C-alpha cells in the first residue's frame, strides 16, 4: 500500500488541516457529549479534556508513523472547526486496510459535513492510488455513520467483532 498524506484539501464548503496539540480545547466539548462518544469504546476513563489530548496525541503519532490519521475539518468561509475526518490504517481479519473515519461536533450534525468530508478523503485516496478500496468500520447501531458511508457509495460487506465491538465493515472500490 502506497503512503502519501497531505492536508489543505478542499471541497466547496470545507478544508482540512492536520491536528495540533493546541486543538485540545476545541475537542473537549465533543468528549462531553454522550451522543458524540456513544460509539467510541477505545477511549480510556479520563476527563473530557484528557480524552481530547489522548485523541490528538494518537493522531499525531499516526502522522509520525506514516499511518495517516484524522484531520480537522473546517468551514472554508470562517475556518471554524466542524469535525474530524481522515484516512486511517486498520487491521481487519489480519489484513491491513485503509479506512475513512469521521467524527463531528454535535452542533454540526445534519448539514452534510461528514458526507462531504469523507468524499474529500475518498477522492484523495483514489487520485493518489493509495489503495484498491477503502473501508469504514461502523458500529451496528451507528445508523448516522452508516448513512454517511452509503451516501458515499460504500456497501456493507460483513459484520464482525472488532476490538471488542460488533461492527459492520463497509467497503468502496477505488478502481
N, C-alpha and C. Protein backbone atom coordinates (compact mmCIF):
# COMPACT_ATOMS: atom_id res chain seq x y z
N UNK A 1 0.85 -1.18 0.00
CA UNK A 1 0.00 0.00 0.00
C UNK A 1 0.89 1.24 0.00
N UNK A 2 0.60 2.13 -0.90
CA UNK A 2 1.38 3.36 -1.05
C UNK A 2 1.02 4.35 0.06
N UNK A 3 2.03 5.08 0.57
CA UNK A 3 1.75 6.10 1.59
C UNK A 3 2.02 7.49 1.04
N UNK A 4 1.01 8.33 1.14
CA UNK A 4 1.11 9.75 0.84
C UNK A 4 -0.03 10.38 1.61
N UNK A 5 0.25 11.45 2.36
CA UNK A 5 -0.82 12.07 3.13
C UNK A 5 -0.55 13.56 3.24
N UNK A 6 -1.52 14.34 2.84
CA UNK A 6 -1.41 15.79 2.86
C UNK A 6 -2.63 16.39 3.53
N UNK A 7 -2.49 17.61 3.98
CA UNK A 7 -3.66 18.35 4.43
C UNK A 7 -3.87 19.50 3.46
N UNK A 8 -4.69 20.48 3.85
CA UNK A 8 -5.05 21.58 2.95
C UNK A 8 -5.78 21.05 1.72
N UNK A 9 -6.69 20.09 1.97
CA UNK A 9 -7.56 19.56 0.93
C UNK A 9 -8.87 20.32 1.01
N UNK A 10 -9.55 20.48 -0.12
CA UNK A 10 -10.72 21.36 -0.15
C UNK A 10 -11.90 20.72 -0.88
N UNK A 11 -13.09 21.14 -0.46
CA UNK A 11 -14.32 20.92 -1.22
C UNK A 11 -14.98 22.29 -1.33
N UNK A 12 -16.20 22.33 -1.79
CA UNK A 12 -16.89 23.62 -1.91
C UNK A 12 -16.99 24.34 -0.57
N UNK A 13 -17.31 23.60 0.50
CA UNK A 13 -17.56 24.24 1.80
C UNK A 13 -16.48 23.99 2.84
N UNK A 14 -15.64 22.98 2.62
CA UNK A 14 -14.75 22.51 3.68
C UNK A 14 -13.28 22.56 3.29
N UNK A 15 -12.43 22.60 4.33
CA UNK A 15 -10.99 22.45 4.14
C UNK A 15 -10.45 21.58 5.28
N UNK A 16 -9.29 21.00 5.05
CA UNK A 16 -8.68 20.11 6.05
C UNK A 16 -7.34 20.66 6.51
N UNK A 17 -6.97 20.25 7.70
CA UNK A 17 -5.61 20.51 8.19
C UNK A 17 -5.29 19.45 9.23
N UNK A 18 -4.00 19.20 9.40
CA UNK A 18 -3.57 18.25 10.42
C UNK A 18 -3.86 18.81 11.80
N UNK A 19 -4.16 17.91 12.72
CA UNK A 19 -4.37 18.30 14.12
C UNK A 19 -3.08 18.82 14.73
N UNK A 20 -3.22 19.68 15.75
CA UNK A 20 -2.09 20.22 16.50
C UNK A 20 -2.40 20.09 17.99
N UNK A 21 -1.39 20.05 18.83
CA UNK A 21 -1.64 19.94 20.28
C UNK A 21 -2.57 21.03 20.81
N UNK A 22 -2.50 22.23 20.25
CA UNK A 22 -3.33 23.33 20.75
C UNK A 22 -4.81 23.19 20.38
N UNK A 23 -5.18 22.11 19.69
CA UNK A 23 -6.59 21.87 19.34
C UNK A 23 -7.40 21.24 20.46
N UNK A 24 -6.78 20.95 21.59
CA UNK A 24 -7.48 20.23 22.67
C UNK A 24 -8.77 20.89 23.11
N UNK A 25 -8.76 22.19 23.31
CA UNK A 25 -9.96 22.87 23.81
C UNK A 25 -11.13 22.79 22.83
N UNK A 26 -10.83 22.73 21.55
CA UNK A 26 -11.88 22.60 20.54
C UNK A 26 -12.61 21.26 20.69
N UNK A 27 -11.88 20.20 21.05
CA UNK A 27 -12.45 18.85 21.07
C UNK A 27 -12.95 18.42 22.43
N UNK A 28 -12.69 19.21 23.49
CA UNK A 28 -13.22 18.86 24.81
C UNK A 28 -14.75 18.74 24.78
N UNK A 29 -15.50 19.69 24.15
CA UNK A 29 -16.97 19.55 24.12
C UNK A 29 -17.44 18.27 23.43
N UNK A 30 -16.70 17.82 22.43
CA UNK A 30 -17.03 16.57 21.75
C UNK A 30 -17.07 15.43 22.77
N UNK A 31 -16.07 15.38 23.64
CA UNK A 31 -15.97 14.29 24.61
C UNK A 31 -16.91 14.47 25.81
N UNK A 32 -17.51 15.64 25.95
CA UNK A 32 -18.52 15.86 26.97
C UNK A 32 -19.90 15.40 26.51
N UNK A 33 -20.08 15.26 25.21
CA UNK A 33 -21.39 14.94 24.64
C UNK A 33 -21.52 13.43 24.42
N UNK A 34 -22.42 12.81 25.16
CA UNK A 34 -22.60 11.35 25.08
C UNK A 34 -23.08 10.89 23.70
N UNK A 35 -23.82 11.73 22.99
CA UNK A 35 -24.24 11.37 21.63
C UNK A 35 -23.04 11.25 20.70
N UNK A 36 -22.05 12.12 20.89
CA UNK A 36 -20.85 12.09 20.05
C UNK A 36 -19.97 10.88 20.36
N UNK A 37 -19.96 10.46 21.61
CA UNK A 37 -18.99 9.45 22.02
C UNK A 37 -19.59 8.06 22.26
N UNK A 38 -20.88 7.91 22.05
CA UNK A 38 -21.52 6.64 22.39
C UNK A 38 -20.94 5.43 21.65
N UNK A 39 -20.33 5.64 20.50
CA UNK A 39 -19.78 4.53 19.74
C UNK A 39 -18.25 4.48 19.80
N UNK A 40 -17.65 5.27 20.67
CA UNK A 40 -16.19 5.27 20.85
C UNK A 40 -15.85 4.49 22.11
N UNK A 41 -15.53 3.22 21.93
CA UNK A 41 -15.26 2.40 23.11
C UNK A 41 -13.78 2.31 23.46
N UNK A 42 -12.92 2.79 22.58
CA UNK A 42 -11.49 2.60 22.81
C UNK A 42 -10.82 3.76 23.53
N UNK A 43 -11.62 4.62 24.18
CA UNK A 43 -11.04 5.72 24.93
C UNK A 43 -11.03 5.37 26.41
N UNK A 44 -9.90 5.60 27.07
CA UNK A 44 -9.82 5.28 28.49
C UNK A 44 -10.73 6.17 29.33
N UNK A 45 -10.91 5.78 30.58
CA UNK A 45 -11.78 6.52 31.51
C UNK A 45 -11.02 7.75 32.01
N UNK A 46 -11.10 8.83 31.23
CA UNK A 46 -10.41 10.07 31.52
C UNK A 46 -11.42 11.22 31.48
N UNK A 47 -10.99 12.39 31.92
CA UNK A 47 -11.84 13.58 31.80
C UNK A 47 -11.98 13.94 30.31
N UNK A 48 -13.00 14.73 29.95
CA UNK A 48 -13.14 15.13 28.54
C UNK A 48 -11.89 15.80 27.97
N UNK A 49 -11.23 16.65 28.75
CA UNK A 49 -10.00 17.30 28.26
C UNK A 49 -8.88 16.27 28.07
N UNK A 50 -8.77 15.33 28.99
CA UNK A 50 -7.75 14.27 28.85
C UNK A 50 -8.05 13.39 27.64
N UNK A 51 -9.33 13.13 27.38
CA UNK A 51 -9.70 12.35 26.19
C UNK A 51 -9.34 13.10 24.92
N UNK A 52 -9.58 14.41 24.91
CA UNK A 52 -9.21 15.22 23.75
C UNK A 52 -7.70 15.15 23.51
N UNK A 53 -6.94 15.27 24.58
CA UNK A 53 -5.48 15.18 24.46
C UNK A 53 -5.06 13.80 23.95
N UNK A 54 -5.67 12.76 24.51
CA UNK A 54 -5.36 11.38 24.10
C UNK A 54 -5.64 11.20 22.60
N UNK A 55 -6.79 11.68 22.14
CA UNK A 55 -7.17 11.54 20.74
C UNK A 55 -6.20 12.30 19.83
N UNK A 56 -5.86 13.52 20.21
CA UNK A 56 -4.93 14.31 19.40
C UNK A 56 -3.55 13.67 19.39
N UNK A 57 -3.07 13.24 20.55
CA UNK A 57 -1.76 12.57 20.62
C UNK A 57 -1.74 11.33 19.73
N UNK A 58 -2.85 10.59 19.72
CA UNK A 58 -2.91 9.39 18.89
C UNK A 58 -2.81 9.74 17.41
N UNK A 59 -3.45 10.83 16.99
CA UNK A 59 -3.38 11.23 15.58
C UNK A 59 -1.98 11.73 15.23
N UNK A 60 -1.37 12.50 16.13
CA UNK A 60 0.00 12.98 15.89
C UNK A 60 0.96 11.81 15.76
N UNK A 61 0.75 10.78 16.59
CA UNK A 61 1.57 9.57 16.50
C UNK A 61 1.34 8.87 15.15
N UNK A 62 0.09 8.79 14.73
CA UNK A 62 -0.21 8.19 13.42
C UNK A 62 0.52 8.95 12.31
N UNK A 63 0.46 10.28 12.34
CA UNK A 63 1.15 11.07 11.31
C UNK A 63 2.65 10.72 11.30
N UNK A 64 3.26 10.70 12.49
CA UNK A 64 4.70 10.44 12.59
C UNK A 64 5.07 9.04 12.10
N UNK A 65 4.18 8.08 12.33
CA UNK A 65 4.45 6.69 11.95
C UNK A 65 3.97 6.35 10.54
N UNK A 66 3.55 7.36 9.79
CA UNK A 66 3.04 7.17 8.43
C UNK A 66 1.88 6.18 8.41
N UNK A 67 0.95 6.39 9.37
CA UNK A 67 -0.27 5.57 9.47
C UNK A 67 -1.50 6.46 9.26
N UNK A 68 -1.29 7.57 8.54
CA UNK A 68 -2.37 8.52 8.25
C UNK A 68 -2.87 9.16 9.54
N UNK A 69 -4.18 9.36 9.72
CA UNK A 69 -4.73 9.99 10.92
C UNK A 69 -5.87 10.94 10.57
N UNK A 70 -6.69 11.23 11.57
CA UNK A 70 -7.79 12.15 11.39
C UNK A 70 -7.26 13.57 11.20
N UNK A 71 -7.97 14.37 10.43
CA UNK A 71 -7.63 15.77 10.21
C UNK A 71 -8.80 16.65 10.66
N UNK A 72 -8.50 17.88 11.00
CA UNK A 72 -9.54 18.85 11.33
C UNK A 72 -10.26 19.21 10.05
N UNK A 73 -11.59 19.21 10.13
CA UNK A 73 -12.42 19.66 9.02
C UNK A 73 -13.00 21.01 9.42
N UNK A 74 -12.73 22.03 8.63
CA UNK A 74 -13.18 23.39 8.94
C UNK A 74 -14.03 23.95 7.82
N UNK A 75 -14.85 24.92 8.19
CA UNK A 75 -15.64 25.68 7.23
C UNK A 75 -14.67 26.58 6.46
N UNK A 76 -14.75 26.57 5.14
CA UNK A 76 -13.83 27.38 4.31
C UNK A 76 -14.04 28.87 4.51
N UNK A 77 -15.24 29.29 4.84
CA UNK A 77 -15.53 30.72 4.95
C UNK A 77 -14.86 31.34 6.17
N UNK A 78 -15.04 30.71 7.34
CA UNK A 78 -14.52 31.30 8.58
C UNK A 78 -13.46 30.44 9.26
N UNK A 79 -13.10 29.31 8.65
CA UNK A 79 -12.10 28.39 9.19
C UNK A 79 -12.50 27.80 10.54
N UNK A 80 -13.78 27.81 10.87
CA UNK A 80 -14.28 27.27 12.13
C UNK A 80 -14.25 25.73 12.09
N UNK A 81 -13.63 25.08 13.09
CA UNK A 81 -13.60 23.62 13.12
C UNK A 81 -15.01 23.04 13.28
N UNK A 82 -15.31 22.05 12.46
CA UNK A 82 -16.61 21.39 12.48
C UNK A 82 -16.52 19.95 12.95
N UNK A 83 -15.39 19.31 12.64
CA UNK A 83 -15.25 17.90 12.97
C UNK A 83 -13.89 17.38 12.57
N UNK A 84 -13.80 16.07 12.52
CA UNK A 84 -12.58 15.37 12.14
C UNK A 84 -12.92 14.35 11.07
N UNK A 85 -12.03 14.17 10.15
CA UNK A 85 -12.19 13.14 9.13
C UNK A 85 -10.79 12.82 8.62
N UNK A 86 -10.60 11.58 8.21
CA UNK A 86 -9.30 11.25 7.67
C UNK A 86 -9.18 9.80 7.28
N UNK A 87 -8.03 9.48 6.78
CA UNK A 87 -7.69 8.12 6.43
C UNK A 87 -6.96 7.49 7.61
N UNK A 88 -7.21 6.21 7.84
CA UNK A 88 -6.63 5.50 8.98
C UNK A 88 -6.25 4.09 8.53
N UNK A 89 -5.07 3.63 8.93
CA UNK A 89 -4.73 2.23 8.68
C UNK A 89 -5.36 1.39 9.78
N UNK A 90 -6.07 0.35 9.38
CA UNK A 90 -6.72 -0.56 10.31
C UNK A 90 -6.41 -1.99 9.90
N UNK A 91 -6.27 -2.87 10.88
CA UNK A 91 -6.09 -4.28 10.58
C UNK A 91 -7.40 -5.00 10.85
N UNK A 92 -7.97 -5.55 9.78
CA UNK A 92 -9.25 -6.26 9.86
C UNK A 92 -9.04 -7.65 9.28
N UNK A 93 -9.36 -8.66 10.09
CA UNK A 93 -9.17 -10.06 9.65
C UNK A 93 -7.75 -10.29 9.14
N UNK A 94 -6.77 -9.76 9.88
CA UNK A 94 -5.35 -9.92 9.57
C UNK A 94 -4.92 -9.28 8.25
N UNK A 95 -5.71 -8.35 7.74
CA UNK A 95 -5.36 -7.62 6.52
C UNK A 95 -5.32 -6.13 6.87
N UNK A 96 -4.24 -5.45 6.46
CA UNK A 96 -4.15 -4.01 6.68
C UNK A 96 -4.99 -3.31 5.62
N UNK A 97 -5.94 -2.51 6.08
CA UNK A 97 -6.90 -1.82 5.22
C UNK A 97 -6.78 -0.32 5.45
N UNK A 98 -7.19 0.44 4.47
CA UNK A 98 -7.24 1.89 4.60
C UNK A 98 -8.70 2.29 4.84
N UNK A 99 -8.94 2.94 5.96
CA UNK A 99 -10.29 3.32 6.37
C UNK A 99 -10.48 4.81 6.23
N UNK A 100 -11.69 5.23 5.93
CA UNK A 100 -12.07 6.64 6.07
C UNK A 100 -12.95 6.70 7.32
N UNK A 101 -12.53 7.58 8.26
CA UNK A 101 -13.27 7.73 9.51
C UNK A 101 -13.65 9.18 9.71
N UNK A 102 -14.69 9.41 10.52
CA UNK A 102 -15.18 10.78 10.73
C UNK A 102 -15.89 10.89 12.07
N UNK A 103 -15.74 12.07 12.68
CA UNK A 103 -16.40 12.45 13.93
C UNK A 103 -16.66 13.96 13.84
N UNK A 104 -17.87 14.37 14.17
CA UNK A 104 -18.20 15.80 14.09
C UNK A 104 -18.77 16.30 15.40
N UNK A 105 -18.46 17.57 15.71
CA UNK A 105 -19.04 18.21 16.88
C UNK A 105 -20.56 18.22 16.70
N UNK A 106 -21.28 17.97 17.79
CA UNK A 106 -22.72 17.75 17.71
C UNK A 106 -23.47 18.89 17.01
N UNK A 107 -23.09 20.13 17.28
CA UNK A 107 -23.82 21.26 16.69
C UNK A 107 -23.68 21.32 15.17
N UNK A 108 -22.80 20.49 14.61
CA UNK A 108 -22.61 20.49 13.16
C UNK A 108 -23.17 19.23 12.49
N UNK A 109 -23.92 18.43 13.25
CA UNK A 109 -24.57 17.26 12.66
C UNK A 109 -25.73 17.72 11.79
N UNK A 110 -26.03 16.96 10.76
CA UNK A 110 -27.22 17.19 9.96
C UNK A 110 -27.06 18.18 8.83
N UNK A 111 -25.86 18.63 8.56
CA UNK A 111 -25.63 19.60 7.48
C UNK A 111 -24.87 19.00 6.29
N UNK A 112 -24.63 17.69 6.33
CA UNK A 112 -23.92 17.03 5.24
C UNK A 112 -22.41 17.14 5.30
N UNK A 113 -21.88 17.66 6.41
CA UNK A 113 -20.43 17.85 6.50
C UNK A 113 -19.66 16.52 6.51
N UNK A 114 -20.18 15.52 7.23
CA UNK A 114 -19.48 14.23 7.29
C UNK A 114 -19.41 13.60 5.91
N UNK A 115 -20.52 13.62 5.18
CA UNK A 115 -20.54 13.06 3.83
C UNK A 115 -19.55 13.80 2.93
N UNK A 116 -19.55 15.11 3.00
CA UNK A 116 -18.66 15.92 2.17
C UNK A 116 -17.19 15.73 2.55
N UNK A 117 -16.91 15.69 3.85
CA UNK A 117 -15.53 15.49 4.31
C UNK A 117 -15.02 14.11 3.89
N UNK A 118 -15.85 13.08 4.07
CA UNK A 118 -15.44 11.73 3.66
C UNK A 118 -15.17 11.70 2.16
N UNK A 119 -15.97 12.42 1.38
CA UNK A 119 -15.76 12.42 -0.07
C UNK A 119 -14.42 13.07 -0.44
N UNK A 120 -13.98 14.05 0.36
CA UNK A 120 -12.65 14.65 0.14
C UNK A 120 -11.58 13.57 0.28
N UNK A 121 -11.69 12.77 1.35
CA UNK A 121 -10.68 11.73 1.61
C UNK A 121 -10.76 10.60 0.58
N UNK A 122 -11.97 10.25 0.17
CA UNK A 122 -12.15 9.21 -0.85
C UNK A 122 -11.47 9.65 -2.15
N UNK A 123 -11.73 10.87 -2.55
CA UNK A 123 -11.14 11.38 -3.81
C UNK A 123 -9.62 11.48 -3.70
N UNK A 124 -9.12 11.89 -2.53
CA UNK A 124 -7.67 11.96 -2.32
C UNK A 124 -7.05 10.57 -2.47
N UNK A 125 -7.66 9.57 -1.83
CA UNK A 125 -7.13 8.20 -1.91
C UNK A 125 -7.20 7.67 -3.34
N UNK A 126 -8.30 7.96 -4.04
CA UNK A 126 -8.45 7.50 -5.43
C UNK A 126 -7.42 8.17 -6.34
N UNK A 127 -7.34 9.50 -6.26
CA UNK A 127 -6.44 10.27 -7.12
C UNK A 127 -4.98 9.85 -6.94
N UNK A 128 -4.61 9.54 -5.70
CA UNK A 128 -3.22 9.19 -5.41
C UNK A 128 -2.95 7.69 -5.37
N UNK A 129 -3.96 6.91 -5.76
CA UNK A 129 -3.83 5.45 -5.85
C UNK A 129 -3.26 4.84 -4.56
N UNK A 130 -3.86 5.24 -3.44
CA UNK A 130 -3.38 4.78 -2.13
C UNK A 130 -3.81 3.36 -1.81
N UNK A 131 -4.90 2.90 -2.40
CA UNK A 131 -5.42 1.55 -2.14
C UNK A 131 -6.41 1.21 -3.25
N UNK A 132 -6.72 -0.08 -3.37
CA UNK A 132 -7.73 -0.51 -4.34
C UNK A 132 -9.14 -0.24 -3.83
N UNK A 133 -9.28 -0.19 -2.50
CA UNK A 133 -10.58 0.09 -1.89
C UNK A 133 -10.37 0.73 -0.54
N UNK A 134 -11.42 1.36 -0.05
CA UNK A 134 -11.45 1.92 1.30
C UNK A 134 -12.53 1.20 2.10
N UNK A 135 -12.34 1.18 3.42
CA UNK A 135 -13.37 0.63 4.29
C UNK A 135 -13.82 1.70 5.28
N UNK A 136 -14.94 1.44 5.91
CA UNK A 136 -15.36 2.17 7.10
C UNK A 136 -15.81 1.12 8.10
N UNK A 137 -15.30 1.22 9.32
CA UNK A 137 -15.66 0.33 10.42
C UNK A 137 -16.71 1.06 11.24
N UNK A 138 -17.94 0.53 11.26
CA UNK A 138 -19.06 1.26 11.85
C UNK A 138 -19.86 0.37 12.79
N UNK A 139 -20.09 0.86 14.00
CA UNK A 139 -20.90 0.14 14.99
C UNK A 139 -22.26 -0.23 14.39
N UNK A 140 -22.77 -1.41 14.79
CA UNK A 140 -24.05 -1.89 14.27
C UNK A 140 -25.19 -0.90 14.51
N UNK A 141 -25.11 -0.12 15.59
CA UNK A 141 -26.20 0.79 15.94
C UNK A 141 -25.94 2.23 15.51
N UNK A 142 -24.82 2.48 14.85
CA UNK A 142 -24.50 3.84 14.44
C UNK A 142 -25.09 4.12 13.05
N UNK A 143 -26.40 4.33 13.05
CA UNK A 143 -27.13 4.50 11.80
C UNK A 143 -26.71 5.74 11.03
N UNK A 144 -26.35 6.81 11.75
CA UNK A 144 -25.94 8.04 11.07
C UNK A 144 -24.65 7.83 10.28
N UNK A 145 -23.67 7.15 10.88
CA UNK A 145 -22.42 6.88 10.16
C UNK A 145 -22.64 5.89 9.02
N UNK A 146 -23.55 4.94 9.21
CA UNK A 146 -23.87 4.02 8.12
C UNK A 146 -24.45 4.79 6.94
N UNK A 147 -25.31 5.77 7.23
CA UNK A 147 -25.92 6.57 6.16
C UNK A 147 -24.86 7.40 5.43
N UNK A 148 -23.89 7.94 6.16
CA UNK A 148 -22.80 8.69 5.54
C UNK A 148 -22.03 7.78 4.57
N UNK A 149 -21.69 6.59 5.05
CA UNK A 149 -20.96 5.64 4.20
C UNK A 149 -21.76 5.31 2.94
N UNK A 150 -23.04 5.03 3.11
CA UNK A 150 -23.87 4.67 1.96
C UNK A 150 -24.02 5.83 0.98
N UNK A 151 -24.14 7.06 1.48
CA UNK A 151 -24.23 8.22 0.59
C UNK A 151 -22.96 8.38 -0.24
N UNK A 152 -21.83 7.90 0.28
CA UNK A 152 -20.56 7.98 -0.44
C UNK A 152 -20.28 6.72 -1.25
N UNK A 153 -21.27 5.84 -1.40
CA UNK A 153 -21.11 4.68 -2.26
C UNK A 153 -20.48 3.46 -1.61
N UNK A 154 -20.34 3.48 -0.29
CA UNK A 154 -19.83 2.30 0.41
C UNK A 154 -20.96 1.26 0.50
N UNK A 155 -20.58 0.01 0.48
CA UNK A 155 -21.53 -1.10 0.57
C UNK A 155 -21.18 -1.93 1.80
N UNK A 156 -22.22 -2.30 2.55
CA UNK A 156 -22.00 -3.15 3.74
C UNK A 156 -21.48 -4.50 3.26
N UNK A 157 -20.28 -4.86 3.75
CA UNK A 157 -19.64 -6.08 3.29
C UNK A 157 -19.82 -7.23 4.27
N UNK A 158 -19.65 -6.94 5.58
CA UNK A 158 -19.76 -8.01 6.56
C UNK A 158 -19.93 -7.43 7.96
N UNK A 159 -20.27 -8.31 8.86
CA UNK A 159 -20.40 -7.99 10.28
C UNK A 159 -19.36 -8.80 11.02
N UNK A 160 -18.69 -8.17 11.98
CA UNK A 160 -17.68 -8.90 12.76
C UNK A 160 -17.44 -8.22 14.10
N UNK A 161 -16.68 -8.90 14.94
CA UNK A 161 -16.27 -8.35 16.22
C UNK A 161 -14.91 -7.69 16.00
N UNK A 162 -14.84 -6.38 16.26
CA UNK A 162 -13.62 -5.62 16.00
C UNK A 162 -13.27 -4.84 17.27
N UNK A 163 -12.12 -5.17 17.86
CA UNK A 163 -11.66 -4.53 19.08
C UNK A 163 -12.75 -4.58 20.17
N UNK A 164 -13.47 -5.69 20.23
CA UNK A 164 -14.48 -5.90 21.26
C UNK A 164 -15.86 -5.35 20.93
N UNK A 165 -16.02 -4.72 19.77
CA UNK A 165 -17.31 -4.14 19.37
C UNK A 165 -17.87 -4.89 18.17
N UNK A 166 -19.19 -5.03 18.14
CA UNK A 166 -19.84 -5.59 16.97
C UNK A 166 -19.98 -4.46 15.94
N UNK A 167 -19.41 -4.68 14.77
CA UNK A 167 -19.37 -3.64 13.74
C UNK A 167 -19.72 -4.20 12.37
N UNK A 168 -20.05 -3.28 11.50
CA UNK A 168 -20.14 -3.59 10.07
C UNK A 168 -18.88 -3.06 9.42
N UNK A 169 -18.42 -3.78 8.42
CA UNK A 169 -17.36 -3.28 7.56
C UNK A 169 -18.04 -2.87 6.25
N UNK A 170 -17.91 -1.59 5.94
CA UNK A 170 -18.39 -1.06 4.67
C UNK A 170 -17.19 -0.92 3.76
N UNK A 171 -17.40 -1.12 2.45
CA UNK A 171 -16.28 -1.04 1.51
C UNK A 171 -16.70 -0.26 0.26
N UNK A 172 -15.72 0.47 -0.27
CA UNK A 172 -15.90 1.18 -1.55
C UNK A 172 -14.68 0.92 -2.41
N UNK A 173 -14.90 0.44 -3.61
CA UNK A 173 -13.81 0.23 -4.55
C UNK A 173 -13.34 1.57 -5.07
N UNK A 174 -12.03 1.68 -5.25
CA UNK A 174 -11.43 2.91 -5.82
C UNK A 174 -10.94 2.67 -7.24
N UNK A 175 -11.17 1.47 -7.75
CA UNK A 175 -10.69 1.13 -9.10
C UNK A 175 -11.65 1.63 -10.17
